[in-house]
Every structure is written in structure tokens, then in C-alpha cells.
Amino acid sequence: MRQIEPKDMNTTALAFLGDAVYEVYARKYVMDKGEIRADKLHRSAVKYVCADGQAKAVKSLMNDFLTEEEVKLVKRARNHKTTSKARSASPVVYKLATAFEALVGYLYLMEDTARMEAVIAEALKRIEE
């Protein structure tokens, strides 16, 4: 079976993987703040993993942090026609959040761990602002 190159993959598939990868990093970020109760950890993580937080981060990152190639991927993912709909976010916010997840999935599959972790760390920082 021939493996597809990450740059040629459907952005929805990249977002599927990126969502899981980013969730782990966001949860670790919240845990590193010292909280140990699961209910409080969950409540603290929501602002980082919700569509609004991810959309805020990716819009900000596109201005001054992402490379030209990464911006192209984000725009391709944002503009991808999809049939899924967010339960609690506007279509624009949902598409931006999905684009962010696609970027994380892409960097993960490219095995560019250092860049992926830099993007995630910067996104978490900007969500917190």
C-alpha cells in the first residue's frame, strides 16, 4: 500500500489527527500549571481546545509566526468544503479551528516535532492572552 505524502493529504484527515495531537499538548499544558483534580483540569483545558480558542490562535499566528508554506496549508484547510458543522461555533470559527488542527496534523506527519511544538506553544500562549 502506497503512503500518501502529508502535503497531498485531505485537510480533513490532517485535522482529524491534529485534533488528537493538540489535545494531548493542551492537556499537558494545563496539568503543568499544578492542578490535579480532573474536573478542574477539564474546565481549564476547554479554552485551549474549543473552536474559539483555536481560531483565535491560528488567526494571530498567520500574521507573524507561520511560514509561507504553513499559511498556504491553513488557507487550503480553511477553504476546504466540509459537510460537518460545529455545535457551538460559527462556520467561520469552525473552519479556522479545523485549519489549525490540520496544521498540527501536517507537522506531526512530517515528523517536524520541533516546529509542531513551537506552533502549539505559541498558540497556547496567544489563547491565554
Protein backbone atom coordinates (compact mmCIF):
# COMPACT_ATOMS: atom_id res chain seq x y z
CA MET A 1 0.00 0.00 0.00
CA ARG A 2 1.41 3.39 -1.06
CA GLN A 3 1.51 6.01 1.65
CA ILE A 4 0.26 9.50 0.80
CA GLU A 5 2.60 12.41 1.45
CA PRO A 6 1.24 14.74 4.17
CA LYS A 7 1.30 17.73 1.79
CA ASP A 8 -1.05 15.83 -0.56
CA MET A 9 -3.47 14.64 2.12
CA ASN A 10 -7.02 15.79 2.54
CA THR A 11 -7.00 18.58 5.12
CA THR A 12 -9.93 17.00 6.95
CA ALA A 13 -7.80 13.90 7.55
CA LEU A 14 -4.93 16.09 8.75
CA ALA A 15 -7.32 17.87 11.13
CA PHE A 16 -8.58 14.51 12.43
CA LEU A 17 -5.08 13.64 13.57
CA GLY A 18 -4.10 17.18 14.56
CA ASP A 19 -7.08 17.42 16.89
CA ALA A 20 -5.84 14.45 18.91
CA VAL A 21 -2.21 15.59 18.97
CA TYR A 22 -3.10 19.13 20.00
CA GLU A 23 -5.47 17.88 22.72
CA VAL A 24 -2.61 15.98 24.38
CA TYR A 25 -0.36 19.05 24.37
CA ALA A 26 -3.14 21.31 25.67
CA ARG A 27 -3.95 18.90 28.48
CA LYS A 28 -0.27 18.65 29.45
CA TYR A 29 -0.04 22.46 29.39
CA VAL A 30 -2.95 22.70 31.85
CA MET A 31 -1.52 19.97 34.08
CA ASP A 32 1.85 21.72 34.19
CA LYS A 33 0.14 24.62 35.95
CA GLY A 34 -0.22 22.39 39.03
CA GLU A 35 -3.90 21.44 39.06
CA ILE A 36 -4.57 17.79 39.90
CA ARG A 37 -8.36 17.50 40.06
CA ALA A 38 -9.77 16.09 36.83
CA ASP A 39 -12.89 18.27 36.83
CA LYS A 40 -10.83 21.45 37.17
CA LEU A 41 -8.32 20.22 34.60
CA HIS A 42 -11.13 19.68 32.11
CA ARG A 43 -12.61 23.13 32.72
CA SER A 44 -9.18 24.72 32.37
CA ALA A 45 -8.42 22.89 29.11
CA VAL A 46 -11.66 23.90 27.38
CA LYS A 47 -10.49 27.41 26.47
CA TYR A 48 -7.47 25.95 24.65
CA VAL A 49 -9.23 23.16 22.76
CA CYS A 50 -12.50 24.86 21.85
CA ALA A 51 -13.05 26.19 18.34
CA ASP A 52 -12.98 29.81 19.52
CA GLY A 53 -9.56 29.40 21.13
CA GLN A 54 -8.06 27.57 18.17
CA ALA A 55 -9.49 30.11 15.70
CA LYS A 56 -8.08 33.00 17.75
CA ALA A 57 -4.67 31.32 17.81
CA VAL A 58 -4.45 30.50 14.11
CA LYS A 59 -5.59 33.97 13.02
CA SER A 60 -2.89 35.50 15.19
CA LEU A 61 -0.22 33.01 14.11
CA MET A 62 -0.92 33.68 10.42
CA ASN A 63 0.07 37.32 10.90
CA ASP A 64 3.59 36.85 12.18
CA PHE A 65 4.55 33.33 13.17
CA LEU A 66 3.74 30.79 10.47
CA THR A 67 5.90 30.18 7.44
CA GLU A 68 4.56 30.86 3.95
CA GLU A 69 4.08 27.11 3.41
CA GLU A 70 2.17 26.78 6.70
CA VAL A 71 -0.08 29.73 5.84
CA LYS A 72 -0.88 28.10 2.48
CA LEU A 73 -1.86 24.88 4.25
CA VAL A 74 -4.01 26.77 6.76
CA LYS A 75 -5.79 28.62 3.95
CA ARG A 76 -6.32 25.39 2.00
CA ALA A 77 -7.77 23.73 5.09
CA ARG A 78 -9.91 26.75 5.95
CA ASN A 79 -11.37 26.83 2.45
CA HIS A 80 -11.98 23.08 2.22
CA LYS A 81 -15.64 22.29 1.63
CA THR A 82 -16.98 20.26 4.51
CA THR A 83 -20.32 18.80 5.48
CA SER A 84 -19.66 18.71 9.22
CA LYS A 85 -20.90 21.51 11.39
CA ALA A 86 -19.84 22.77 14.80
CA ARG A 87 -22.29 22.54 17.65
CA SER A 88 -21.29 25.77 19.34
CA ALA A 89 -19.22 27.80 16.89
CA SER A 90 -19.95 29.86 13.82
CA PRO A 91 -18.97 28.32 10.45
CA VAL A 92 -16.03 30.74 10.09
CA VAL A 93 -14.67 29.96 13.57
CA TYR A 94 -15.14 26.22 12.99
CA LYS A 95 -13.24 26.37 9.68
CA LEU A 96 -10.36 28.29 11.26
CA ALA A 97 -10.18 25.82 14.16
CA THR A 98 -10.16 22.91 11.72
CA ALA A 99 -7.41 24.64 9.74
CA PHE A 100 -5.32 24.93 12.91
CA GLU A 101 -5.83 21.24 13.64
CA ALA A 102 -4.85 20.40 10.04
CA LEU A 103 -1.60 22.33 10.50
CA VAL A 104 -0.80 20.40 13.68
CA GLY A 105 -1.61 17.11 11.93
CA TYR A 106 0.57 18.07 8.98
CA LEU A 107 3.56 18.97 11.16
CA TYR A 108 3.10 15.76 13.13
CA LEU A 109 3.07 13.60 9.99
CA MET A 110 6.07 15.48 8.60
CA GLU A 111 7.80 14.45 11.85
CA ASP A 112 8.78 18.08 12.39
CA THR A 113 8.34 17.80 16.14
CA ALA A 114 10.33 20.91 16.99
CA ARG A 115 8.26 23.13 14.69
CA MET A 116 4.99 21.48 15.76
CA GLU A 117 5.81 22.07 19.42
CA ALA A 118 6.81 25.68 18.70
CA VAL A 119 3.49 26.31 16.89
CA ILE A 120 1.49 24.67 19.68
CA ALA A 121 3.36 26.53 22.44
CA GLU A 122 2.82 29.85 20.67
CA ALA A 123 -0.85 29.05 20.06
CA LEU A 124 -1.40 28.20 23.73
CA LYS A 125 0.33 31.43 24.74
CA ARG A 126 -1.82 33.52 22.38
CA ILE A 127 -5.04 31.85 23.52
CA GLU A 128 -4.14 32.73 27.10
CA GLU A 129 -3.63 36.44 26.26
